[in-house]
């Protein structure tokens, strides 16, 4: 199987694992009343891994860092949606806390890689 750069990244692997959880949640709550919400949850969580993958295809660390910024913002959007899911009683407090913890850890890992890429760019100047 061909290997793409993003497939080696821990943050991409973590985002895919989180995607599975969030897509399952979206499937559970995807009735007629909450269909739009479920679709928004899928889109926000998918945006995380998509931006990591797209950024990994960049030719420069600076460009990759910009995509990681977008991925991190998608983490925050997803966290907001998870919080709203709890508020609407789609998920219980344990599920909320577990998902928010996963999102927080992922956000920190993305930020760490982004800072390292930006430092690499500064060294090149």
Protein backbone atom coordinates (compact mmCIF):
# COMPACT_ATOMS: atom_id res chain seq x y z
CA UNK A 1 0.00 0.00 0.00
CA UNK A 2 1.34 3.47 -0.83
CA UNK A 3 2.44 5.53 2.15
CA UNK A 4 1.66 9.22 2.37
CA UNK A 5 3.53 11.48 4.78
CA UNK A 6 0.44 12.13 6.89
CA UNK A 7 -0.04 8.40 7.55
CA UNK A 8 3.08 8.42 9.69
CA UNK A 9 1.93 11.29 11.91
CA UNK A 10 0.66 10.45 15.39
CA UNK A 11 -1.75 13.40 15.27
CA UNK A 12 -3.33 12.08 12.08
CA UNK A 13 -3.71 8.60 13.59
CA UNK A 14 -5.23 10.12 16.74
CA UNK A 15 -7.64 12.21 14.67
CA UNK A 16 -8.77 9.13 12.73
CA UNK A 17 -9.42 7.24 15.98
CA UNK A 18 -11.38 10.20 17.30
CA UNK A 19 -13.24 10.41 14.00
CA UNK A 20 -14.49 6.86 14.49
CA UNK A 21 -15.92 7.76 17.90
CA UNK A 22 -17.52 10.97 16.65
CA UNK A 23 -18.99 9.36 13.53
CA UNK A 24 -20.52 6.65 15.74
CA UNK A 25 -21.98 9.34 17.96
CA UNK A 26 -23.34 11.18 14.91
CA UNK A 27 -24.92 7.94 13.69
CA UNK A 28 -26.61 7.44 17.07
CA UNK A 29 -28.15 10.92 17.14
CA UNK A 30 -28.92 11.21 13.43
CA UNK A 31 -32.71 11.21 13.56
CA UNK A 32 -34.83 13.68 11.63
CA UNK A 33 -34.73 16.21 14.47
CA UNK A 34 -30.95 16.21 14.90
CA UNK A 35 -29.81 15.33 11.37
CA UNK A 36 -28.21 18.73 10.73
CA UNK A 37 -26.38 18.61 14.05
CA UNK A 38 -25.04 15.12 13.31
CA UNK A 39 -23.83 16.26 9.88
CA UNK A 40 -22.08 19.27 11.42
CA UNK A 41 -20.36 16.98 13.94
CA UNK A 42 -19.17 14.70 11.15
CA UNK A 43 -17.91 17.64 9.08
CA UNK A 44 -16.06 19.31 11.97
CA UNK A 45 -14.34 16.11 13.07
CA UNK A 46 -13.46 15.15 9.50
CA UNK A 47 -11.93 18.60 8.98
CA UNK A 48 -9.32 17.81 11.63
CA UNK A 49 -7.80 14.82 9.83
CA UNK A 50 -8.35 16.38 6.40
CA UNK A 51 -6.32 19.48 7.28
CA UNK A 52 -3.54 17.44 8.85
CA UNK A 53 -3.36 15.31 5.69
CA UNK A 54 -3.55 18.29 3.35
CA UNK A 55 -0.91 20.17 5.32
CA UNK A 56 1.42 17.20 5.28
CA UNK A 57 1.42 17.50 1.49
CA UNK A 58 2.80 21.03 1.68
CA UNK A 59 6.21 21.89 0.33
CA UNK A 60 7.06 24.18 3.23
CA UNK A 61 6.88 23.90 7.01
CA UNK A 62 5.19 27.29 7.10
CA UNK A 63 2.37 26.10 4.86
CA UNK A 64 2.01 22.88 6.87
CA UNK A 65 1.84 24.95 10.08
CA UNK A 66 -1.03 26.97 8.59
CA UNK A 67 -2.99 23.79 7.89
CA UNK A 68 -2.31 22.62 11.44
CA UNK A 69 -3.77 25.89 12.68
CA UNK A 70 -6.95 25.13 10.75
CA UNK A 71 -6.98 21.56 12.11
CA UNK A 72 -6.67 22.91 15.66
CA UNK A 73 -9.54 25.30 15.09
CA UNK A 74 -11.61 22.34 13.89
CA UNK A 75 -10.77 20.59 17.17
CA UNK A 76 -12.28 23.55 19.00
CA UNK A 77 -15.37 23.51 16.77
CA UNK A 78 -15.77 19.79 17.45
CA UNK A 79 -15.39 20.36 21.20
CA UNK A 80 -18.16 22.94 21.03
CA UNK A 81 -20.42 20.48 19.21
CA UNK A 82 -19.66 17.76 21.76
CA UNK A 83 -20.55 20.18 24.56
CA UNK A 84 -23.84 21.01 22.82
CA UNK A 85 -24.53 17.29 22.36
CA UNK A 86 -24.25 16.95 26.13
CA UNK A 87 -26.40 20.00 26.71
CA UNK A 88 -29.10 18.51 24.45
CA UNK A 89 -28.85 15.19 26.36
CA UNK A 90 -27.50 13.30 23.33
CA UNK A 91 -24.54 12.14 25.45
CA UNK A 92 -23.94 11.67 29.17
CA UNK A 93 -21.32 13.43 31.29
CA UNK A 94 -18.85 10.53 31.10
CA UNK A 95 -18.96 10.56 27.30
CA UNK A 96 -18.60 14.36 27.29
CA UNK A 97 -15.56 14.25 29.54
CA UNK A 98 -13.93 11.43 27.59
CA UNK A 99 -14.39 13.17 24.22
CA UNK A 100 -13.27 16.56 25.56
CA UNK A 101 -10.15 14.95 27.02
CA UNK A 102 -9.35 13.29 23.68
CA UNK A 103 -9.89 16.59 21.88
CA UNK A 104 -7.73 18.49 24.38
CA UNK A 105 -4.86 16.03 24.02
CA UNK A 106 -5.11 16.18 20.23
CA UNK A 107 -5.18 19.99 20.29
CA UNK A 108 -2.00 20.07 22.38
CA UNK A 109 -0.23 17.62 20.07
CA UNK A 110 -1.20 19.66 17.01
CA UNK A 111 0.03 22.84 18.70
CA UNK A 112 3.33 21.21 19.60
CA UNK A 113 3.99 20.06 16.04
CA UNK A 114 2.92 23.45 14.69
CA UNK A 115 5.38 25.24 16.98
CA UNK A 116 8.16 22.87 15.93
CA UNK A 117 7.43 23.55 12.25
CA UNK A 118 7.40 27.29 12.79
CA UNK A 119 10.73 27.09 14.64
CA UNK A 120 12.19 25.14 11.71
CA UNK A 121 11.06 27.91 9.37
CA UNK A 122 12.66 30.57 11.60
CA UNK A 123 15.96 28.69 11.56
CA UNK A 124 15.96 28.66 7.76
CA UNK A 125 15.78 32.46 7.60
